[in-house]
Amino acid sequence: MYNDTIKVANKIISDTDLADIFQRMDEELRENIQICKQETAQNERYEREYQHWTAKSFDGTFKCTFNFYDDTNITVDNYNAFITIFNNRLHEVKDMWVRYHYNYWIQHGSDQKMVSQSINMNIYEHKMDIEVNLSSDDKKMDDVYQLIKEKILKAPERYDRIIKKKSSITNKIGFALGVIPSLVICTLLVFVPTIRQIYGMTYILYPIAVVILAFLIGNTVFSGTLDRLYSTITPKQKYAGYDSTNHKSIYKDDIDDFVSTSEIIIGKNIDNIKHRKEIVELEEKYSKYIPTELIVLLVLSIIMILVGKLI
């Protein structure tokens, strides 16, 4: 017997990954039931000492208990009922417990041996614990086991660039969105005589004012969308001490906890992959604007200096 416990850490396990695993479980279960039926038909004509079985009296179980956020639960013992709930109510699922068992006999003539194998999966939003009991005498469950390991191995890291570079990404997008209104405001101020004179005397005032105001506008007016997208994918905060100067507690991202757990796309995490994709698309979209915006800022800075000196 081969026993293994798989702890999934710092991974994003998608609902598609889970669906592929469960579909393979059902396919393997159906295949072994069919093998048992075929062997029964083949062996019924022979005496016991001439019989050959790889799945005698095969008994397979696929069972799942869904626990929902409304404090209800449902236990199903067939794949069709399971996949209906999985496809339609996964956003409501707080956790799910999958039990996948095989019991059967291997027989060669008068020599026979009972085989029992199982894979149990406890799936939560922040972790997935897998207990595997495989027989060293038979490989019927190995394909499912290997698929699970492959899905986990190839799953993307949870603590990825989107999380590590959050400040940089939000500032970049905020700046790109805030530059245009900032340029308009700072340019209109040239009609104020005092400001116009300052622009002419202090060469860097205009560009510095535009940049600072762009960050303020971007991070204040346009931050709601990014806050929403980041709300379910960022690390939790942990207490990091007390600031005696400002008289307030200090909190920081709990990275250790974040990388020791995972992100399973069920329940409250159901839109996390979509949110990560949206963040990447926003960054790529608005990053393209920044070079043009900086050129406009440079040109207007020169104009503001000239206006300040000549008028």
Protein backbone atom coordinates (compact mmCIF):
# COMPACT_ATOMS: atom_id res chain seq x y z
CA MET A 1 0.00 0.00 0.00
CA TYR A 2 1.26 3.46 -0.92
CA ASN A 3 0.08 6.36 1.22
CA ASP A 4 0.56 10.01 0.38
CA THR A 5 -0.72 13.31 1.74
CA ILE A 6 -0.61 16.26 -0.63
CA LYS A 7 -0.67 19.76 0.83
CA VAL A 8 -1.28 22.43 -1.79
CA ALA A 9 0.60 25.66 -0.97
CA ASN A 10 1.04 28.94 -2.89
CA LYS A 11 -0.98 27.69 -5.87
CA ILE A 12 -4.05 28.82 -7.80
CA ILE A 13 -6.21 25.78 -8.51
CA SER A 14 -8.85 26.72 -11.05
CA ASP A 15 -12.37 25.35 -11.29
CA THR A 16 -11.31 23.95 -14.68
CA ASP A 17 -8.49 21.99 -13.01
CA LEU A 18 -10.95 20.57 -10.51
CA ALA A 19 -13.47 19.70 -13.22
CA ASP A 20 -10.78 17.84 -15.21
CA ILE A 21 -9.84 15.78 -12.14
CA PHE A 22 -13.45 14.86 -11.35
CA GLN A 23 -14.19 14.00 -14.97
CA ARG A 24 -11.18 11.66 -15.02
CA MET A 25 -12.42 10.05 -11.81
CA ASP A 26 -15.79 9.35 -13.42
CA GLU A 27 -14.22 8.02 -16.62
CA GLU A 28 -11.93 5.65 -14.70
CA LEU A 29 -14.81 4.48 -12.51
CA ARG A 30 -17.00 3.73 -15.53
CA GLU A 31 -14.15 1.97 -17.30
CA ASN A 32 -13.50 -0.34 -14.36
CA ILE A 33 -17.20 -1.14 -14.00
CA GLN A 34 -17.20 -2.10 -17.66
CA ILE A 35 -14.07 -4.24 -17.21
CA CYS A 36 -15.78 -6.07 -14.35
CA LYS A 37 -18.84 -6.76 -16.53
CA GLN A 38 -16.66 -8.04 -19.39
CA GLU A 39 -14.63 -10.28 -17.09
CA THR A 40 -17.82 -11.65 -15.53
CA ALA A 41 -19.08 -12.67 -18.96
CA GLN A 42 -15.72 -14.18 -19.88
CA ASN A 43 -15.18 -16.13 -16.65
CA GLU A 44 -18.65 -17.54 -16.06
CA ARG A 45 -17.94 -20.39 -18.51
CA TYR A 46 -14.76 -21.48 -16.64
CA GLU A 47 -14.17 -23.31 -13.40
CA ARG A 48 -12.60 -21.24 -10.63
CA GLU A 49 -9.07 -22.57 -11.18
CA TYR A 50 -9.13 -21.37 -14.79
CA GLN A 51 -10.58 -17.92 -14.15
CA HIS A 52 -8.63 -14.69 -14.62
CA TRP A 53 -9.86 -11.44 -13.01
CA THR A 54 -8.42 -7.93 -12.72
CA ALA A 55 -11.58 -6.35 -11.27
CA LYS A 56 -13.70 -9.06 -9.71
CA SER A 57 -16.72 -7.78 -7.76
CA PHE A 58 -15.61 -4.23 -8.50
CA ASP A 59 -17.24 -1.69 -6.23
CA GLY A 60 -16.42 1.96 -6.95
CA THR A 61 -17.59 5.05 -5.10
CA PHE A 62 -17.63 8.69 -6.09
CA LYS A 63 -19.21 10.77 -3.35
CA CYS A 64 -19.12 14.48 -2.58
CA THR A 65 -20.50 16.62 0.21
CA PHE A 66 -21.02 20.28 -0.69
CA ASN A 67 -21.18 22.77 2.18
CA PHE A 68 -22.76 26.06 1.16
CA TYR A 69 -22.56 29.58 2.56
CA ASP A 70 -26.24 29.47 3.53
CA ASP A 71 -25.35 26.76 6.11
CA THR A 72 -26.92 23.97 4.06
CA ASN A 73 -25.18 20.93 2.61
CA ILE A 74 -25.82 18.31 -0.03
CA THR A 75 -24.24 14.88 -0.39
CA VAL A 76 -24.32 13.24 -3.82
CA ASP A 77 -23.07 9.78 -4.76
CA ASN A 78 -23.00 9.95 -8.54
CA TYR A 79 -21.11 12.09 -11.02
CA ASN A 80 -24.13 13.45 -12.92
CA ALA A 81 -25.69 14.94 -9.78
CA PHE A 82 -22.28 16.18 -8.70
CA ILE A 83 -21.39 17.98 -11.93
CA THR A 84 -24.80 19.67 -12.07
CA ILE A 85 -24.15 21.31 -8.69
CA PHE A 86 -20.51 21.98 -9.54
CA ASN A 87 -21.40 23.80 -12.76
CA ASN A 88 -24.30 25.81 -11.35
CA ARG A 89 -23.64 26.52 -7.68
CA LEU A 90 -19.86 26.60 -7.29
CA HIS A 91 -19.99 30.29 -6.29
CA GLU A 92 -22.11 29.29 -3.28
CA VAL A 93 -19.76 26.52 -2.09
CA LYS A 94 -17.79 27.15 1.11
CA ASP A 95 -16.03 23.79 0.96
CA MET A 96 -16.44 20.35 -0.54
CA TRP A 97 -15.30 16.87 0.48
CA VAL A 98 -14.75 14.30 -2.26
CA ARG A 99 -14.44 10.57 -1.51
CA TYR A 100 -13.23 8.30 -4.31
CA HIS A 101 -12.84 4.59 -3.45
CA TYR A 102 -12.24 1.27 -5.26
CA ASN A 103 -12.74 -2.20 -3.77
CA TYR A 104 -12.26 -5.33 -5.92
CA TRP A 105 -10.47 -8.67 -6.22
CA ILE A 106 -7.58 -9.70 -8.42
CA GLN A 107 -7.72 -13.42 -9.15
CA HIS A 108 -5.52 -15.81 -11.11
CA GLY A 109 -6.94 -19.29 -10.79
CA SER A 110 -7.26 -20.18 -7.11
CA ASP A 111 -4.97 -17.32 -6.08
CA GLN A 112 -6.90 -14.12 -5.29
CA LYS A 113 -6.29 -10.89 -3.41
CA MET A 114 -8.61 -8.08 -2.37
CA VAL A 115 -7.52 -4.57 -3.37
CA SER A 116 -8.73 -1.35 -1.78
CA GLN A 117 -7.68 2.10 -3.01
CA SER A 118 -8.88 5.61 -2.26
CA ILE A 119 -8.35 9.30 -2.88
CA ASN A 120 -9.95 11.77 -0.50
CA MET A 121 -9.97 15.49 -1.29
CA ASN A 122 -10.95 18.17 1.23
CA ILE A 123 -11.31 21.37 -0.76
CA TYR A 124 -11.60 24.81 0.80
CA GLU A 125 -11.22 28.33 -0.59
CA HIS A 126 -7.73 28.68 0.90
CA LYS A 127 -6.41 25.12 0.81
CA MET A 128 -6.83 21.65 -0.63
CA ASP A 129 -5.77 18.59 1.38
CA ILE A 130 -5.49 15.29 -0.48
CA GLU A 131 -5.06 11.87 1.12
CA VAL A 132 -4.10 9.03 -1.20
CA ASN A 133 -4.05 5.29 -0.46
CA LEU A 134 -2.88 3.31 -3.49
CA SER A 135 -2.22 -0.38 -3.83
CA SER A 136 1.25 -1.58 -4.80
CA ASP A 137 -0.44 -4.63 -6.38
CA ASP A 138 -2.48 -2.75 -8.98
CA LYS A 139 -2.40 0.56 -10.87
CA LYS A 140 -6.09 1.22 -11.49
CA MET A 141 -6.10 4.53 -9.61
CA ASP A 142 -2.66 5.73 -10.69
CA ASP A 143 -3.94 7.77 -13.66
CA VAL A 144 -6.16 9.88 -11.41
CA TYR A 145 -3.35 10.31 -8.88
CA GLN A 146 -0.89 11.40 -11.58
CA LEU A 147 -3.40 13.86 -13.03
CA ILE A 148 -3.90 15.46 -9.60
CA LYS A 149 -0.14 15.85 -9.13
CA GLU A 150 0.24 17.24 -12.65
CA LYS A 151 -2.52 19.83 -12.11
CA ILE A 152 -0.94 20.97 -8.85
CA LEU A 153 2.58 21.05 -10.29
CA LYS A 154 1.53 23.13 -13.31
CA ALA A 155 -0.83 25.43 -11.40
CA PRO A 156 0.30 29.08 -11.34
CA GLU A 157 1.77 30.56 -8.17
CA ARG A 158 -0.55 32.51 -5.94
CA TYR A 159 2.12 34.99 -4.85
CA ASP A 160 2.71 36.21 -8.38
CA ARG A 161 3.67 39.49 -9.97
CA ILE A 162 0.11 40.82 -9.65
CA ILE A 163 0.47 40.61 -5.85
CA LYS A 164 4.17 41.45 -5.50
CA LYS A 165 3.92 44.56 -7.69
CA LYS A 166 0.53 45.75 -6.50
CA SER A 167 1.73 49.25 -5.55
CA SER A 168 3.62 49.67 -8.82
CA ILE A 169 0.67 48.46 -10.89
CA THR A 170 -1.92 50.62 -9.11
CA ASN A 171 0.33 53.70 -9.28
CA LYS A 172 1.02 53.15 -12.97
CA ILE A 173 -2.67 52.80 -13.84
CA GLY A 174 -3.64 55.68 -11.53
CA PHE A 175 -0.99 57.95 -13.04
CA ALA A 176 -2.03 57.13 -16.61
CA LEU A 177 -5.65 57.89 -15.80
CA GLY A 178 -4.86 61.03 -13.80
CA VAL A 179 -2.45 62.74 -16.21
CA ILE A 180 -5.06 64.19 -18.60
CA PRO A 181 -7.22 65.91 -15.95
CA SER A 182 -4.03 66.99 -14.19
CA LEU A 183 -2.66 68.54 -17.39
CA VAL A 184 -5.92 70.40 -17.94
CA ILE A 185 -6.02 71.77 -14.39
CA CYS A 186 -2.36 72.81 -14.25
CA THR A 187 -2.54 74.35 -17.73
CA LEU A 188 -5.65 76.40 -16.89
CA LEU A 189 -3.80 77.80 -13.88
CA VAL A 190 -1.61 79.73 -16.32
CA PHE A 191 -4.43 82.26 -16.51
CA VAL A 192 -3.75 83.13 -12.87
CA PRO A 193 -1.05 85.86 -13.07
CA THR A 194 0.84 84.75 -9.96
CA ILE A 195 0.93 81.10 -11.08
CA ARG A 196 1.98 82.18 -14.59
CA GLN A 197 4.94 84.10 -13.19
CA ILE A 198 5.95 81.15 -11.00
CA TYR A 199 5.82 78.85 -14.03
CA GLY A 200 8.20 81.19 -15.82
CA MET A 201 10.63 81.47 -12.90
CA THR A 202 10.54 77.86 -11.64
CA TYR A 203 11.14 75.61 -14.60
CA ILE A 204 10.24 72.33 -12.91
CA LEU A 205 7.16 73.50 -11.05
CA TYR A 206 4.70 72.75 -13.85
CA PRO A 207 5.82 69.14 -14.56
CA ILE A 208 6.16 68.37 -10.84
CA ALA A 209 2.69 69.77 -10.16
CA VAL A 210 1.23 67.74 -13.03
CA VAL A 211 2.86 64.50 -11.86
CA ILE A 212 1.84 64.92 -8.21
CA LEU A 213 -1.72 65.90 -9.11
CA ALA A 214 -1.94 63.01 -11.60
CA PHE A 215 -1.09 60.50 -8.86
CA LEU A 216 -3.57 62.14 -6.47
CA ILE A 217 -6.40 62.18 -9.00
CA GLY A 218 -5.68 58.68 -10.28
CA ASN A 219 -5.37 57.07 -6.86
CA THR A 220 -8.37 58.91 -5.45
CA VAL A 221 -10.92 59.03 -8.26
CA PHE A 222 -10.05 55.85 -10.13
CA SER A 223 -8.92 53.56 -7.29
CA GLY A 224 -12.34 51.95 -6.74
CA THR A 225 -12.06 49.57 -9.68
CA LEU A 226 -8.62 48.29 -8.67
CA ASP A 227 -9.63 47.98 -5.02
CA ARG A 228 -12.55 45.80 -6.10
CA LEU A 229 -10.37 43.62 -8.33
CA TYR A 230 -7.73 43.19 -5.63
CA SER A 231 -10.17 42.70 -2.75
CA THR A 232 -10.24 38.86 -2.81
CA ILE A 233 -6.70 38.13 -4.00
CA THR A 234 -4.44 40.13 -1.67
CA PRO A 235 -2.84 38.83 1.56
CA LYS A 236 -4.53 39.39 4.88
CA GLN A 237 -3.12 42.06 7.16
CA LYS A 238 -1.26 41.21 10.36
CA TYR A 239 -0.27 43.35 13.32
CA ALA A 240 3.31 44.63 12.96
CA GLY A 241 3.73 46.88 15.97
CA TYR A 242 2.74 50.29 17.25
CA ASP A 243 3.76 53.70 15.87
CA SER A 244 4.33 55.79 19.01
CA THR A 245 4.88 58.94 16.94
CA ASN A 246 1.52 58.81 15.19
CA HIS A 247 -0.15 56.84 18.00
CA LYS A 248 -1.60 54.09 15.85
CA SER A 249 -1.14 50.38 15.24
CA ILE A 250 0.84 49.23 12.21
CA TYR A 251 -0.36 46.44 9.95
CA LYS A 252 1.32 44.78 6.99
CA ASP A 253 0.61 42.00 4.50
CA ASP A 254 0.95 38.54 6.03
CA ILE A 255 3.07 37.05 3.24
CA ASP A 256 4.05 33.94 5.22
CA ASP A 257 0.42 32.93 5.65
CA PHE A 258 -0.32 33.84 2.04
CA VAL A 259 2.33 31.55 0.51
CA SER A 260 1.59 28.70 2.92
CA THR A 261 -2.01 28.51 1.72
CA SER A 262 -3.59 28.46 -1.73
CA GLU A 263 -6.36 29.95 -3.82
CA ILE A 264 -8.99 27.43 -4.84
CA ILE A 265 -11.52 28.82 -7.31
CA ILE A 266 -14.73 28.09 -5.44
CA GLY A 267 -17.06 30.21 -3.31
CA LYS A 268 -15.84 33.76 -2.75
CA ASN A 269 -12.84 33.09 -5.00
CA ILE A 270 -14.97 32.23 -8.03
CA ASP A 271 -14.01 35.41 -9.96
CA ASN A 272 -10.37 35.62 -8.84
CA ILE A 273 -8.80 34.41 -12.09
CA LYS A 274 -11.00 36.82 -14.04
CA HIS A 275 -9.97 39.66 -11.71
CA ARG A 276 -6.27 38.89 -12.18
CA LYS A 277 -6.75 38.91 -15.94
CA GLU A 278 -8.57 42.26 -15.76
CA ILE A 279 -5.73 43.78 -13.73
CA VAL A 280 -3.17 42.62 -16.31
CA GLU A 281 -5.32 44.00 -19.15
CA LEU A 282 -5.73 47.37 -17.39
CA GLU A 283 -1.98 47.62 -16.78
CA GLU A 284 -1.15 46.76 -20.39
CA LYS A 285 -3.78 49.17 -21.73
CA TYR A 286 -2.84 52.22 -19.69
CA SER A 287 0.91 51.61 -19.79
CA LYS A 288 0.70 52.31 -23.54
CA TYR A 289 -0.64 55.81 -22.80
CA ILE A 290 2.20 56.89 -20.52
CA PRO A 291 4.92 57.58 -23.16
CA THR A 292 2.54 59.82 -25.15
CA GLU A 293 1.38 61.55 -21.97
CA LEU A 294 4.99 62.26 -20.95
CA ILE A 295 5.74 63.77 -24.37
CA VAL A 296 2.69 66.03 -24.05
CA LEU A 297 3.83 66.96 -20.54
CA LEU A 298 7.30 67.89 -21.84
CA VAL A 299 5.89 70.04 -24.64
CA LEU A 300 3.44 71.80 -22.34
CA SER A 301 6.18 72.34 -19.74
CA ILE A 302 8.25 74.22 -22.33
CA ILE A 303 5.20 76.24 -23.37
CA MET A 304 4.40 77.13 -19.77
CA ILE A 305 7.96 78.39 -19.23
CA LEU A 306 7.76 80.52 -22.36
CA VAL A 307 4.34 81.86 -21.43
CA GLY A 308 5.54 82.69 -17.92
CA LYS A 309 8.54 84.60 -19.24
CA LEU A 310 6.96 86.38 -22.19
CA ILE A 311 3.57 87.37 -20.85
